[in-house]
Amino acid sequence: MVKLNTTYRVIIGVVVAILVMAGLVFAYSKGASSTKNSSAKQENTQSIPSSGSDSENPPVKKSTTGICHGEGTTYYSKTTNFTPYNSIADCLSSGGRLPKK
């Protein structure tokens, strides 16, 4: 076995510690995103009371990023992956927010 001096041992130890921490951070962030996805899936399965509008074009669409788009807003027609709501108030009370623009 090659004998390493103390400086190299310290450097190798620090590099190993950094790699281990990076792996833990990656694993944690991967787990956090799967938790978000599972809660989004649960949200999409909620039943919405019928208000006469079809599910293709509900009065309010909450995007996967949590933004509530009402009919006539800039990105309403471009929002394709959404949870439908009957009103802006319902969307906001579910944790959504209004668009900045």
PDB file of N, CA and C in Angstrom:
ATOM      1  N   MET A   1       0.842  -1.177   0.000  1.00  0.00           N
ATOM      2  CA  MET A   1       0.000   0.000   0.000  1.00  0.00           C
ATOM      3  C   MET A   1       0.885   1.237   0.000  1.00  0.00           C
ATOM      4  N   VAL A   2       0.467   2.227  -0.757  1.00  0.00           N
ATOM      5  CA  VAL A   2       1.233   3.469  -0.852  1.00  0.00           C
ATOM      6  C   VAL A   2       0.980   4.297   0.393  1.00  0.00           C
ATOM      7  N   LYS A   3       2.028   4.812   0.956  1.00  0.00           N
ATOM      8  CA  LYS A   3       1.902   5.618   2.157  1.00  0.00           C
ATOM      9  C   LYS A   3       1.707   7.078   1.746  1.00  0.00           C
ATOM     10  N   LEU A   4       0.592   7.674   2.154  1.00  0.00           N
ATOM     11  CA  LEU A   4       0.285   9.062   1.821  1.00  0.00           C
ATOM     12  C   LEU A   4       0.664   9.959   2.986  1.00  0.00           C
ATOM     13  N   ASN A   5       1.121  11.149   2.665  1.00  0.00           N
ATOM     14  CA  ASN A   5       1.425  12.059   3.762  1.00  0.00           C
ATOM     15  C   ASN A   5       0.124  12.661   4.299  1.00  0.00           C
ATOM     16  N   THR A   6       0.202  13.336   5.400  1.00  0.00           N
ATOM     17  CA  THR A   6      -0.963  13.851   6.116  1.00  0.00           C
ATOM     18  C   THR A   6      -1.776  14.831   5.276  1.00  0.00           C
ATOM     19  N   THR A   7      -1.147  15.684   4.504  1.00  0.00           N
ATOM     20  CA  THR A   7      -1.864  16.672   3.696  1.00  0.00           C
ATOM     21  C   THR A   7      -2.786  15.987   2.694  1.00  0.00           C
ATOM     22  N   TYR A   8      -2.274  14.964   2.013  1.00  0.00           N
ATOM     23  CA  TYR A   8      -3.101  14.254   1.040  1.00  0.00           C
ATOM     24  C   TYR A   8      -4.248  13.509   1.714  1.00  0.00           C
ATOM     25  N   ARG A   9      -4.012  12.969   2.886  1.00  0.00           N
ATOM     26  CA  ARG A   9      -5.080  12.282   3.620  1.00  0.00           C
ATOM     27  C   ARG A   9      -6.205  13.256   3.960  1.00  0.00           C
ATOM     28  N   VAL A  10      -5.832  14.457   4.385  1.00  0.00           N
ATOM     29  CA  VAL A  10      -6.837  15.470   4.734  1.00  0.00           C
ATOM     30  C   VAL A  10      -7.629  15.867   3.490  1.00  0.00           C
ATOM     31  N   ILE A  11      -6.926  16.092   2.387  1.00  0.00           N
ATOM     32  CA  ILE A  11      -7.598  16.483   1.144  1.00  0.00           C
ATOM     33  C   ILE A  11      -8.555  15.391   0.688  1.00  0.00           C
ATOM     34  N   ILE A  12      -8.106  14.151   0.721  1.00  0.00           N
ATOM     35  CA  ILE A  12      -8.967  13.036   0.317  1.00  0.00           C
ATOM     36  C   ILE A  12     -10.170  12.928   1.254  1.00  0.00           C
ATOM     37  N   GLY A  13      -9.965  13.111   2.534  1.00  0.00           N
ATOM     38  CA  GLY A  13     -11.069  13.064   3.495  1.00  0.00           C
ATOM     39  C   GLY A  13     -12.104  14.146   3.232  1.00  0.00           C
ATOM     40  N   VAL A  14     -11.637  15.351   2.920  1.00  0.00           N
ATOM     41  CA  VAL A  14     -12.552  16.460   2.634  1.00  0.00           C
ATOM     42  C   VAL A  14     -13.337  16.183   1.350  1.00  0.00           C
ATOM     43  N   VAL A  15     -12.652  15.696   0.323  1.00  0.00           N
ATOM     44  CA  VAL A  15     -13.327  15.391  -0.944  1.00  0.00           C
ATOM     45  C   VAL A  15     -14.386  14.311  -0.738  1.00  0.00           C
ATOM     46  N   VAL A  16     -14.055  13.279   0.000  1.00  0.00           N
ATOM     47  CA  VAL A  16     -15.023  12.210   0.273  1.00  0.00           C
ATOM     48  C   VAL A  16     -16.217  12.766   1.044  1.00  0.00           C
ATOM     49  N   ALA A  17     -15.968  13.608   2.037  1.00  0.00           N
ATOM     50  CA  ALA A  17     -17.060  14.198   2.815  1.00  0.00           C
ATOM     51  C   ALA A  17     -17.968  15.045   1.928  1.00  0.00           C
ATOM     52  N   ILE A  18     -17.382  15.821   1.021  1.00  0.00           N
ATOM     53  CA  ILE A  18     -18.177  16.654   0.117  1.00  0.00           C
ATOM     54  C   ILE A  18     -19.026  15.784  -0.802  1.00  0.00           C
ATOM     55  N   LEU A  19     -18.435  14.721  -1.333  1.00  0.00           N
ATOM     56  CA  LEU A  19     -19.193  13.833  -2.213  1.00  0.00           C
ATOM     57  C   LEU A  19     -20.341  13.146  -1.476  1.00  0.00           C
ATOM     58  N   VAL A  20     -20.107  12.750  -0.250  1.00  0.00           N
ATOM     59  CA  VAL A  20     -21.166  12.121   0.549  1.00  0.00           C
ATOM     60  C   VAL A  20     -22.293  13.118   0.797  1.00  0.00           C
ATOM     61  N   MET A  21     -21.947  14.353   1.168  1.00  0.00           N
ATOM     62  CA  MET A  21     -22.966  15.376   1.416  1.00  0.00           C
ATOM     63  C   MET A  21     -23.741  15.688   0.135  1.00  0.00           C
ATOM     64  N   ALA A  22     -23.046  15.767  -0.993  1.00  0.00           N
ATOM     65  CA  ALA A  22     -23.725  16.037  -2.263  1.00  0.00           C
ATOM     66  C   ALA A  22     -24.711  14.918  -2.581  1.00  0.00           C
ATOM     67  N   GLY A  23     -24.331  13.695  -2.308  1.00  0.00           N
ATOM     68  CA  GLY A  23     -25.231  12.567  -2.532  1.00  0.00           C
ATOM     69  C   GLY A  23     -26.451  12.632  -1.641  1.00  0.00           C
ATOM     70  N   LEU A  24     -26.271  13.038  -0.393  1.00  0.00           N
ATOM     71  CA  LEU A  24     -27.396  13.163   0.528  1.00  0.00           C
ATOM     72  C   LEU A  24     -28.329  14.279   0.095  1.00  0.00           C
ATOM     73  N   VAL A  25     -27.774  15.406  -0.344  1.00  0.00           N
ATOM     74  CA  VAL A  25     -28.597  16.520  -0.803  1.00  0.00           C
ATOM     75  C   VAL A  25     -29.389  16.102  -2.032  1.00  0.00           C
ATOM     76  N   PHE A  26     -28.739  15.409  -2.967  1.00  0.00           N
ATOM     77  CA  PHE A  26     -29.429  14.942  -4.169  1.00  0.00           C
ATOM     78  C   PHE A  26     -30.558  13.980  -3.801  1.00  0.00           C
ATOM     79  N   ALA A  27     -30.279  13.046  -2.907  1.00  0.00           N
ATOM     80  CA  ALA A  27     -31.301  12.077  -2.500  1.00  0.00           C
ATOM     81  C   ALA A  27     -32.460  12.781  -1.809  1.00  0.00           C
ATOM     82  N   TYR A  28     -32.166  13.776  -0.976  1.00  0.00           N
ATOM     83  CA  TYR A  28     -33.219  14.512  -0.282  1.00  0.00           C
ATOM     84  C   TYR A  28     -34.067  15.293  -1.277  1.00  0.00           C
ATOM     85  N   SER A  29     -33.419  15.992  -2.211  1.00  0.00           N
ATOM     86  CA  SER A  29     -34.186  16.789  -3.170  1.00  0.00           C
ATOM     87  C   SER A  29     -35.015  15.896  -4.082  1.00  0.00           C
ATOM     88  N   LYS A  30     -34.516  14.730  -4.409  1.00  0.00           N
ATOM     89  CA  LYS A  30     -35.273  13.795  -5.237  1.00  0.00           C
ATOM     90  C   LYS A  30     -36.502  13.308  -4.473  1.00  0.00           C
ATOM     91  N   GLY A  31     -36.357  13.041  -3.185  1.00  0.00           N
ATOM     92  CA  GLY A  31     -37.484  12.621  -2.363  1.00  0.00           C
ATOM     93  C   GLY A  31     -38.500  13.727  -2.195  1.00  0.00           C
ATOM     94  N   ALA A  32     -38.048  14.975  -2.067  1.00  0.00           N
ATOM     95  CA  ALA A  32     -38.956  16.105  -1.904  1.00  0.00           C
ATOM     96  C   ALA A  32     -39.785  16.315  -3.158  1.00  0.00           C
ATOM     97  N   SER A  33     -39.173  16.138  -4.331  1.00  0.00           N
ATOM     98  CA  SER A  33     -39.928  16.335  -5.568  1.00  0.00           C
ATOM     99  C   SER A  33     -40.960  15.234  -5.751  1.00  0.00           C
ATOM    100  N   SER A  34     -40.657  14.006  -5.326  1.00  0.00           N
ATOM    101  CA  SER A  34     -41.649  12.950  -5.465  1.00  0.00           C
ATOM    102  C   SER A  34     -42.802  13.178  -4.499  1.00  0.00           C
ATOM    103  N   THR A  35     -42.536  13.805  -3.354  1.00  0.00           N
ATOM    104  CA  THR A  35     -43.608  14.151  -2.429  1.00  0.00           C
ATOM    105  C   THR A  35     -44.511  15.198  -3.055  1.00  0.00           C
ATOM    106  N   LYS A  36     -43.925  16.198  -3.717  1.00  0.00           N
ATOM    107  CA  LYS A  36     -44.725  17.214  -4.390  1.00  0.00           C
ATOM    108  C   LYS A  36     -45.579  16.585  -5.473  1.00  0.00           C
ATOM    109  N   ASN A  37     -44.999  15.678  -6.242  1.00  0.00           N
ATOM    110  CA  ASN A  37     -45.738  15.044  -7.323  1.00  0.00           C
ATOM    111  C   ASN A  37     -46.898  14.224  -6.795  1.00  0.00           C
ATOM    112  N   SER A  38     -46.713  13.531  -5.677  1.00  0.00           N
ATOM    113  CA  SER A  38     -47.800  12.721  -5.151  1.00  0.00           C
ATOM    114  C   SER A  38     -48.921  13.602  -4.623  1.00  0.00           C
ATOM    115  N   SER A  39     -48.588  14.764  -4.027  1.00  0.00           N
ATOM    116  CA  SER A  39     -49.645  15.656  -3.562  1.00  0.00           C
ATOM    117  C   SER A  39     -50.357  16.294  -4.742  1.00  0.00           C
ATOM    118  N   ALA A  40     -49.632  16.560  -5.828  1.00  0.00           N
ATOM    119  CA  ALA A  40     -50.266  17.104  -7.030  1.00  0.00           C
ATOM    120  C   ALA A  40     -51.212  16.074  -7.634  1.00  0.00           C
ATOM    121  N   LYS A  41     -50.826  14.796  -7.603  1.00  0.00           N
ATOM    122  CA  LYS A  41     -51.693  13.747  -8.130  1.00  0.00           C
ATOM    123  C   LYS A  41     -52.966  13.655  -7.302  1.00  0.00           C
ATOM    124  N   GLN A  42     -52.840  13.768  -5.980  1.00  0.00           N
ATOM    125  CA  GLN A  42     -54.013  13.730  -5.126  1.00  0.00           C
ATOM    126  C   GLN A  42     -54.919  14.914  -5.434  1.00  0.00           C
ATOM    127  N   GLU A  43     -54.327  16.083  -5.664  1.00  0.00           N
ATOM    128  CA  GLU A  43     -55.093  17.280  -5.948  1.00  0.00           C
ATOM    129  C   GLU A  43     -55.881  17.120  -7.242  1.00  0.00           C
ATOM    130  N   ASN A  44     -55.281  16.468  -8.250  1.00  0.00           N
ATOM    131  CA  ASN A  44     -55.937  16.288  -9.535  1.00  0.00           C
ATOM    132  C   ASN A  44     -57.111  15.327  -9.458  1.00  0.00           C
ATOM    133  N   THR A  45     -57.180  14.491  -8.425  1.00  0.00           N
ATOM    134  CA  THR A  45     -58.266  13.531  -8.324  1.00  0.00           C
ATOM    135  C   THR A  45     -59.443  14.068  -7.521  1.00  0.00           C
ATOM    136  N   GLN A  46     -59.355  15.285  -7.000  1.00  0.00           N
ATOM    137  CA  GLN A  46     -60.461  15.861  -6.252  1.00  0.00           C
ATOM    138  C   GLN A  46     -61.640  16.076  -7.188  1.00  0.00           C
ATOM    139  N   SER A  47     -62.841  15.848  -6.663  1.00  0.00           N
ATOM    140  CA  SER A  47     -64.002  16.088  -7.501  1.00  0.00           C
ATOM    141  C   SER A  47     -64.402  17.554  -7.400  1.00  0.00           C
ATOM    142  N   ILE A  48     -64.734  18.130  -8.523  1.00  0.00           N
ATOM    143  CA  ILE A  48     -65.135  19.525  -8.599  1.00  0.00           C
ATOM    144  C   ILE A  48     -66.628  19.559  -8.890  1.00  0.00           C
ATOM    145  N   PRO A  49     -67.403  20.291  -8.070  1.00  0.00           N
ATOM    146  CA  PRO A  49     -68.834  20.376  -8.331  1.00  0.00           C
ATOM    147  C   PRO A  49     -69.090  20.988  -9.707  1.00  0.00           C
ATOM    148  N   SER A  50     -70.066  20.472 -10.394  1.00  0.00           N
ATOM    149  CA  SER A  50     -70.368  20.963 -11.735  1.00  0.00           C
ATOM    150  C   SER A  50     -71.043  22.320 -11.666  1.00  0.00           C
ATOM    151  N   SER A  51     -70.568  23.249 -12.497  1.00  0.00           N
ATOM    152  CA  SER A  51     -71.187  24.568 -12.544  1.00  0.00           C
ATOM    153  C   SER A  51     -71.634  24.883 -13.964  1.00  0.00           C
ATOM    154  N   GLY A  52     -71.810  23.841 -14.760  1.00  0.00           N
ATOM    155  CA  GLY A  52     -72.263  24.049 -16.119  1.00  0.00           C
ATOM    156  C   GLY A  52     -71.132  24.229 -17.110  1.00  0.00           C
ATOM    157  N   SER A  53     -69.892  24.343 -16.641  1.00  0.00           N
ATOM    158  CA  SER A  53     -68.772  24.482 -17.573  1.00  0.00           C
ATOM    159  C   SER A  53     -68.139  23.118 -17.774  1.00  0.00           C
ATOM    160  N   ASP A  54     -67.610  22.891 -18.972  1.00  0.00           N
ATOM    161  CA  ASP A  54     -66.987  21.596 -19.224  1.00  0.00           C
ATOM    162  C   ASP A  54     -65.593  21.558 -18.608  1.00  0.00           C
ATOM    163  N   SER A  55     -65.074  20.345 -18.381  1.00  0.00           N
ATOM    164  CA  SER A  55     -63.775  20.196 -17.721  1.00  0.00           C
ATOM    165  C   SER A  55     -62.622  20.641 -18.609  1.00  0.00           C
ATOM    166  N   GLU A  56     -62.843  20.759 -19.927  1.00  0.00           N
ATOM    167  CA  GLU A  56     -61.798  21.236 -20.828  1.00  0.00           C
ATOM    168  C   GLU A  56     -61.522  22.722 -20.598  1.00  0.00           C
ATOM    169  N   ASN A  57     -62.560  23.504 -20.315  1.00  0.00           N
ATOM    170  CA  ASN A  57     -62.421  24.946 -20.116  1.00  0.00           C
ATOM    171  C   ASN A  57     -63.148  25.389 -18.849  1.00  0.00           C
ATOM    172  N   PRO A  58     -62.606  25.046 -17.681  1.00  0.00           N
ATOM    173  CA  PRO A  58     -63.244  25.468 -16.434  1.00  0.00           C
ATOM    174  C   PRO A  58     -63.066  26.972 -16.242  1.00  0.00           C
ATOM    175  N   PRO A  59     -63.839  27.586 -15.348  1.00  0.00           N
ATOM    176  CA  PRO A  59     -63.693  29.021 -15.097  1.00  0.00           C
ATOM    177  C   PRO A  59     -62.291  29.404 -14.619  1.00  0.00           C
ATOM    178  N   VAL A  60     -61.649  28.537 -13.823  1.00  0.00           N
ATOM    179  CA  VAL A  60     -60.313  28.835 -13.292  1.00  0.00           C
ATOM    180  C   VAL A  60     -59.453  27.584 -13.408  1.00  0.00           C
ATOM    181  N   LYS A  61     -58.202  27.785 -13.853  1.00  0.00           N
ATOM    182  CA  LYS A  61     -57.233  26.692 -13.956  1.00  0.00           C
ATOM    183  C   LYS A  61     -56.077  26.992 -13.012  1.00  0.00           C
ATOM    184  N   LYS A  62     -55.751  26.029 -12.124  1.00  0.00           N
ATOM    185  CA  LYS A  62     -54.558  26.178 -11.278  1.00  0.00           C
ATOM    186  C   LYS A  62     -53.459  25.328 -11.896  1.00  0.00           C
ATOM    187  N   SER A  63     -52.394  26.003 -12.352  1.00  0.00           N
ATOM    188  CA  SER A  63     -51.293  25.300 -13.008  1.00  0.00           C
ATOM    189  C   SER A  63     -50.518  24.468 -11.996  1.00  0.00           C
ATOM    190  N   THR A  64     -49.646  23.606 -12.505  1.00  0.00           N
ATOM    191  CA  THR A  64     -48.835  22.765 -11.625  1.00  0.00           C
ATOM    192  C   THR A  64     -47.871  23.593 -10.789  1.00  0.00           C
ATOM    193  N   THR A  65     -47.630  24.846 -11.187  1.00  0.00           N
ATOM    194  CA  THR A  65     -46.779  25.735 -10.389  1.00  0.00           C
ATOM    195  C   THR A  65     -47.584  26.510  -9.357  1.00  0.00           C
ATOM    196  N   GLY A  66     -48.902  26.278  -9.293  1.00  0.00           N
ATOM    197  CA  GLY A  66     -49.735  26.883  -8.262  1.00  0.00           C
ATOM    198  C   GLY A  66     -50.302  28.244  -8.617  1.00  0.00           C
ATOM    199  N   ILE A  67     -50.310  28.601  -9.895  1.00  0.00           N
ATOM    200  CA  ILE A  67     -50.831  29.905 -10.309  1.00  0.00           C
ATOM    201  C   ILE A  67     -52.263  29.728 -10.799  1.00  0.00           C
ATOM    202  N   CYS A  68     -53.177  30.563 -10.287  1.00  0.00           N
ATOM    203  CA  CYS A  68     -54.588  30.504 -10.658  1.00  0.00           C
ATOM    204  C   CYS A  68     -54.842  31.388 -11.879  1.00  0.00           C
ATOM    205  N   HIS A  69     -55.258  30.768 -12.979  1.00  0.00           N
ATOM    206  CA  HIS A  69     -55.528  31.493 -14.222  1.00  0.00           C
ATOM    207  C   HIS A  69     -57.032  31.517 -14.458  1.00  0.00           C
ATOM    208  N   GLY A  70     -57.625  32.705 -14.411  1.00  0.00           N
ATOM    209  CA  GLY A  70     -59.042  32.854 -14.703  1.00  0.00           C
ATOM    210  C   GLY A  70     -59.260  33.054 -16.191  1.00  0.00           C
ATOM    211  N   GLU A  71     -60.501  32.842 -16.638  1.00  0.00           N
ATOM    212  CA  GLU A  71     -60.819  33.048 -18.056  1.00  0.00           C
ATOM    213  C   GLU A  71     -60.473  34.478 -18.449  1.00  0.00           C
ATOM    214  N   GLY A  72     -59.830  34.621 -19.606  1.00  0.00           N
ATOM    215  CA  GLY A  72     -59.474  35.942 -20.097  1.00  0.00           C
ATOM    216  C   GLY A  72     -58.096  36.419 -19.677  1.00  0.00           C
ATOM    217  N   THR A  73     -57.417  35.687 -18.785  1.00  0.00           N
ATOM    218  CA  THR A  73     -56.066  36.092 -18.394  1.00  0.00           C
ATOM    219  C   THR A  73     -55.067  35.657 -19.460  1.00  0.00           C
ATOM    220  N   THR A  74     -53.870  36.217 -19.393  1.00  0.00           N
ATOM    221  CA  THR A  74     -52.859  36.028 -20.430  1.00  0.00           C
ATOM    222  C   THR A  74     -52.567  34.567 -20.741  1.00  0.00           C
ATOM    223  N   TYR A  75     -52.350  33.746 -19.736  1.00  0.00           N
ATOM    224  CA  TYR A  75     -51.912  32.368 -19.969  1.00  0.00           C
ATOM    225  C   TYR A  75     -53.024  31.338 -19.795  1.00  0.00           C
ATOM    226  N   TYR A  76     -54.269  31.767 -19.699  1.00  0.00           N
ATOM    227  CA  TYR A  76     -55.375  30.828 -19.502  1.00  0.00           C
ATOM    228  C   TYR A  76     -55.410  29.772 -20.610  1.00  0.00           C
ATOM    229  N   SER A  77     -55.361  30.205 -21.856  1.00  0.00           N
ATOM    230  CA  SER A  77     -55.475  29.246 -22.964  1.00  0.00           C
ATOM    231  C   SER A  77     -54.225  28.389 -23.123  1.00  0.00           C
ATOM    232  N   LYS A  78     -53.080  28.873 -22.631  1.00  0.00           N
ATOM    233  CA  LYS A  78     -51.830  28.119 -22.754  1.00  0.00           C
ATOM    234  C   LYS A  78     -51.643  27.110 -21.624  1.00  0.00           C
ATOM    235  N   THR A  79     -52.429  27.229 -20.559  1.00  0.00           N
ATOM    236  CA  THR A  79     -52.305  26.324 -19.415  1.00  0.00           C
ATOM    237  C   THR A  79     -53.019  25.021 -19.747  1.00  0.00           C
ATOM    238  N   THR A  80     -52.224  23.949 -19.906  1.00  0.00           N
ATOM    239  CA  THR A  80     -52.808  22.665 -20.298  1.00  0.00           C
ATOM    240  C   THR A  80     -52.763  21.620 -19.189  1.00  0.00           C
ATOM    241  N   ASN A  81     -51.810  21.713 -18.268  1.00  0.00           N
ATOM    242  CA  ASN A  81     -51.707  20.770 -17.159  1.00  0.00           C
ATOM    243  C   ASN A  81     -52.175  21.508 -15.913  1.00  0.00           C
ATOM    244  N   PHE A  82     -53.417  21.266 -15.472  1.00  0.00           N
ATOM    245  CA  PHE A  82     -54.016  22.087 -14.427  1.00  0.00           C
ATOM    246  C   PHE A  82     -55.020  21.304 -13.595  1.00  0.00           C
ATOM    247  N   THR A  83     -55.418  21.935 -12.492  1.00  0.00           N
ATOM    248  CA  THR A  83     -56.520  21.462 -11.667  1.00  0.00           C
ATOM    249  C   THR A  83     -57.655  22.466 -11.845  1.00  0.00           C
ATOM    250  N   PRO A  84     -58.860  22.025 -12.224  1.00  0.00           N
ATOM    251  CA  PRO A  84     -59.961  22.970 -12.457  1.00  0.00           C
ATOM    252  C   PRO A  84     -60.619  23.430 -11.157  1.00  0.00           C
ATOM    253  N   TYR A  85     -61.056  24.678 -11.144  1.00  0.00           N
ATOM    254  CA  TYR A  85     -61.798  25.245 -10.018  1.00  0.00           C
ATOM    255  C   TYR A  85     -62.952  26.069 -10.557  1.00  0.00           C
ATOM    256  N   ASN A  86     -63.985  26.220  -9.740  1.00  0.00           N
ATOM    257  CA  ASN A  86     -65.164  26.976 -10.147  1.00  0.00           C
ATOM    258  C   ASN A  86     -65.006  28.474  -9.949  1.00  0.00           C
ATOM    259  N   SER A  87     -64.073  28.889  -9.092  1.00  0.00           N
ATOM    260  CA  SER A  87     -63.877  30.320  -8.859  1.00  0.00           C
ATOM    261  C   SER A  87     -62.436  30.589  -8.446  1.00  0.00           C
ATOM    262  N   ILE A  88     -62.034  31.840  -8.582  1.00  0.00           N
ATOM    263  CA  ILE A  88     -60.698  32.258  -8.141  1.00  0.00           C
ATOM    264  C   ILE A  88     -60.563  32.030  -6.638  1.00  0.00           C
ATOM    265  N   ALA A  89     -61.632  32.293  -5.894  1.00  0.00           N
ATOM    266  CA  ALA A  89     -61.582  32.116  -4.437  1.00  0.00           C
ATOM    267  C   ALA A  89     -61.289  30.661  -4.073  1.00  0.00           C
ATOM    268  N   ASP A  90     -61.928  29.722  -4.772  1.00  0.00           N
ATOM    269  CA  ASP A  90     -61.667  28.297  -4.519  1.00  0.00           C
ATOM    270  C   ASP A  90     -60.217  27.952  -4.821  1.00  0.00           C
ATOM    271  N   CYS A  91     -59.708  28.481  -5.927  1.00  0.00           N
ATOM    272  CA  CYS A  91     -58.328  28.212  -6.333  1.00  0.00           C
ATOM    273  C   CYS A  91     -57.342  28.779  -5.308  1.00  0.00           C
ATOM    274  N   LEU A  92     -57.581  30.013  -4.875  1.00  0.00           N
ATOM    275  CA  LEU A  92     -56.691  30.644  -3.893  1.00  0.00           C
ATOM    276  C   LEU A  92     -56.744  29.919  -2.552  1.00  0.00           C
ATOM    277  N   SER A  93     -57.929  29.474  -2.146  1.00  0.00           N
ATOM    278  CA  SER A  93     -58.041  28.780  -0.858  1.00  0.00           C
ATOM    279  C   SER A  93     -57.376  27.407  -0.888  1.00  0.00           C
ATOM    280  N   SER A  94     -57.150  26.865  -2.094  1.00  0.00           N
ATOM    281  CA  SER A  94     -56.462  25.578  -2.203  1.00  0.00           C
ATOM    282  C   SER A  94     -54.949  25.738  -2.156  1.00  0.00           C
ATOM    283  N   GLY A  95     -54.475  26.974  -2.017  1.00  0.00           N
ATOM    284  CA  GLY A  95     -53.035  27.214  -1.945  1.00  0.00           C
ATOM    285  C   GLY A  95     -52.463  27.872  -3.184  1.00  0.00           C
ATOM    286  N   GLY A  96     -53.305  28.187  -4.152  1.00  0.00           N
ATOM    287  CA  GLY A  96     -52.838  28.849  -5.368  1.00  0.00           C
ATOM    288  C   GLY A  96     -52.582  30.329  -5.136  1.00  0.00           C
ATOM    289  N   ARG A  97     -52.011  30.970  -6.151  1.00  0.00           N
ATOM    290  CA  ARG A  97     -51.776  32.413  -6.081  1.00  0.00           C
ATOM    291  C   ARG A  97     -52.148  33.039  -7.412  1.00  0.00           C
ATOM    292  N   LEU A  98     -52.339  34.353  -7.407  1.00  0.00           N
ATOM    293  CA  LEU A  98     -52.653  35.069  -8.635  1.00  0.00           C
ATOM    294  C   LEU A  98     -51.392  35.267  -9.462  1.00  0.00           C
ATOM    295  N   PRO A  99     -51.526  35.380 -10.784  1.00  0.00           N
ATOM    296  CA  PRO A  99     -50.345  35.642 -11.615  1.00  0.00           C
ATOM    297  C   PRO A  99     -49.780  37.029 -11.330  1.00  0.00           C
ATOM    298  N   LYS A 100     -48.486  37.202 -11.545  1.00  0.00           N
ATOM    299  CA  LYS A 100     -47.851  38.501 -11.306  1.00  0.00           C
ATOM    300  C   LYS A 100     -48.219  39.516 -12.378  1.00  0.00           C
ATOM    301  N   LYS A 101     -48.488  39.040 -13.591  1.00  0.00           N
ATOM    302  CA  LYS A 101     -48.833  39.951 -14.698  1.00  0.00           C
ATOM    303  C   LYS A 101     -50.321  40.089 -14.834  1.00  0.00           C
TER     304      LYS A 101
END
